[in-house]
């Protein structure tokens, strides 16, 4: 039975080398053969999760650890991809681009 679980968010293609990083949250697990225990997460740290990695770093003394079930609670929302926006900004306005028909240029020149 696992004794410790570490959660990492938004690290695609995570490997065991990446487990040296600081996790978003670490859980000290209790032995639970029936799988009835729930462990609350820190909600503020797990908003906008698009990739979740779970690392079981310790167990209760066995050589191997077998995981049969992992249950997750939360709200699913569809991911929105924001494309790159190409914008041009003027450092200063060009008066030739902003001509007004009713104003005569001799008396109302915009500089």
Protein backbone atom coordinates (compact mmCIF):
# COMPACT_ATOMS: atom_id res chain seq x y z
CA UNK A 1 0.00 0.00 0.00
CA UNK A 2 1.41 3.45 -0.87
CA UNK A 3 2.37 5.65 2.08
CA UNK A 4 3.02 8.93 0.27
CA UNK A 5 1.56 10.53 -2.83
CA UNK A 6 2.90 13.65 -4.54
CA UNK A 7 0.93 15.67 -7.09
CA UNK A 8 2.48 17.71 -9.89
CA UNK A 9 0.38 19.82 -12.22
CA UNK A 10 0.90 20.97 -15.80
CA UNK A 11 4.20 19.19 -16.52
CA UNK A 12 3.65 17.31 -19.80
CA UNK A 13 6.02 14.40 -20.53
CA UNK A 14 7.13 14.22 -16.89
CA UNK A 15 9.78 11.60 -16.08
CA UNK A 16 11.18 10.19 -12.84
CA UNK A 17 14.00 12.75 -13.10
CA UNK A 18 11.36 15.49 -12.67
CA UNK A 19 10.18 14.10 -9.31
CA UNK A 20 12.98 16.03 -7.61
CA UNK A 21 10.95 19.20 -8.17
CA UNK A 22 8.72 20.65 -5.50
CA UNK A 23 5.23 19.08 -5.82
CA UNK A 24 2.03 21.09 -5.70
CA UNK A 25 0.87 18.96 -2.77
CA UNK A 26 2.10 15.94 -0.83
CA UNK A 27 -0.22 13.49 0.94
CA UNK A 28 0.72 11.15 3.78
CA UNK A 29 -1.55 8.19 3.10
CA UNK A 30 -3.09 5.75 5.57
CA UNK A 31 -3.54 2.06 4.92
CA UNK A 32 -6.99 1.72 3.39
CA UNK A 33 -7.74 -1.74 1.92
CA UNK A 34 -11.37 -0.80 1.16
CA UNK A 35 -10.43 2.43 -0.67
CA UNK A 36 -12.83 4.60 1.31
CA UNK A 37 -10.55 7.42 2.46
CA UNK A 38 -10.60 10.77 0.68
CA UNK A 39 -7.77 13.28 0.78
CA UNK A 40 -8.66 16.95 0.25
CA UNK A 41 -6.53 18.99 -2.12
CA UNK A 42 -5.56 22.62 -1.78
CA UNK A 43 -8.12 24.11 -4.15
CA UNK A 44 -6.14 27.26 -4.92
CA UNK A 45 -3.19 25.22 -6.22
CA UNK A 46 -5.27 23.03 -8.50
CA UNK A 47 -7.21 25.49 -10.60
CA UNK A 48 -6.61 25.30 -14.36
CA UNK A 49 -5.04 21.84 -14.36
CA UNK A 50 -4.58 20.44 -17.85
CA UNK A 51 -2.05 17.74 -16.93
CA UNK A 52 -1.76 15.89 -13.59
CA UNK A 53 1.16 13.65 -12.62
CA UNK A 54 0.93 11.45 -9.53
CA UNK A 55 4.11 10.11 -7.92
CA UNK A 56 3.94 7.46 -5.22
CA UNK A 57 7.27 7.95 -3.48
CA UNK A 58 6.90 5.64 -0.46
CA UNK A 59 5.00 2.56 0.66
CA UNK A 60 4.53 0.73 3.94
CA UNK A 61 7.65 -1.46 3.59
CA UNK A 62 6.96 -3.74 0.62
CA UNK A 63 9.40 -4.08 -2.25
CA UNK A 64 6.77 -3.14 -4.83
CA UNK A 65 3.59 -1.06 -4.78
CA UNK A 66 0.43 -1.99 -6.68
CA UNK A 67 -2.19 0.63 -7.42
CA UNK A 68 -5.63 -0.76 -8.29
CA UNK A 69 -7.79 2.35 -8.24
CA UNK A 70 -7.38 6.14 -8.25
CA UNK A 71 -10.52 8.24 -7.92
CA UNK A 72 -10.54 11.95 -8.76
CA UNK A 73 -13.17 14.56 -7.93
CA UNK A 74 -13.56 17.91 -9.60
CA UNK A 75 -15.20 19.84 -12.38
CA UNK A 76 -14.22 19.22 -15.96
CA UNK A 77 -14.12 22.15 -18.33
CA UNK A 78 -13.18 22.09 -21.96
CA UNK A 79 -9.72 23.46 -22.68
CA UNK A 80 -9.62 26.66 -24.70
CA UNK A 81 -6.69 27.22 -27.02
CA UNK A 82 -5.83 30.86 -27.54
CA UNK A 83 -4.08 31.48 -30.81
CA UNK A 84 -1.41 34.12 -31.21
CA UNK A 85 -2.87 37.57 -31.84
CA UNK A 86 -0.95 39.73 -34.27
CA UNK A 87 -1.37 43.44 -33.50
CA UNK A 88 0.22 46.61 -34.79
CA UNK A 89 0.45 49.59 -32.49
CA UNK A 90 1.36 53.13 -33.47
CA UNK A 91 3.94 54.94 -31.34
CA UNK A 92 2.26 58.19 -32.36
CA UNK A 93 -0.74 58.90 -34.54
CA UNK A 94 -0.19 59.79 -38.19
CA UNK A 95 -2.47 62.77 -39.00
CA UNK A 96 -2.71 61.65 -42.63
CA UNK A 97 -4.51 58.48 -41.49
CA UNK A 98 -7.21 60.46 -39.64
CA UNK A 99 -8.58 62.97 -42.14
CA UNK A 100 -11.94 64.57 -41.44
CA UNK A 101 -13.95 65.92 -44.37
CA UNK A 102 -15.73 68.73 -42.49
CA UNK A 103 -12.53 70.30 -41.10
CA UNK A 104 -10.34 72.41 -43.34
CA UNK A 105 -6.65 71.53 -42.89
CA UNK A 106 -5.53 75.22 -42.85
CA UNK A 107 -7.40 76.11 -39.64
CA UNK A 108 -7.65 72.78 -37.80
CA UNK A 109 -4.42 70.91 -38.43
CA UNK A 110 -3.84 68.02 -36.05
CA UNK A 111 -0.22 67.52 -35.11
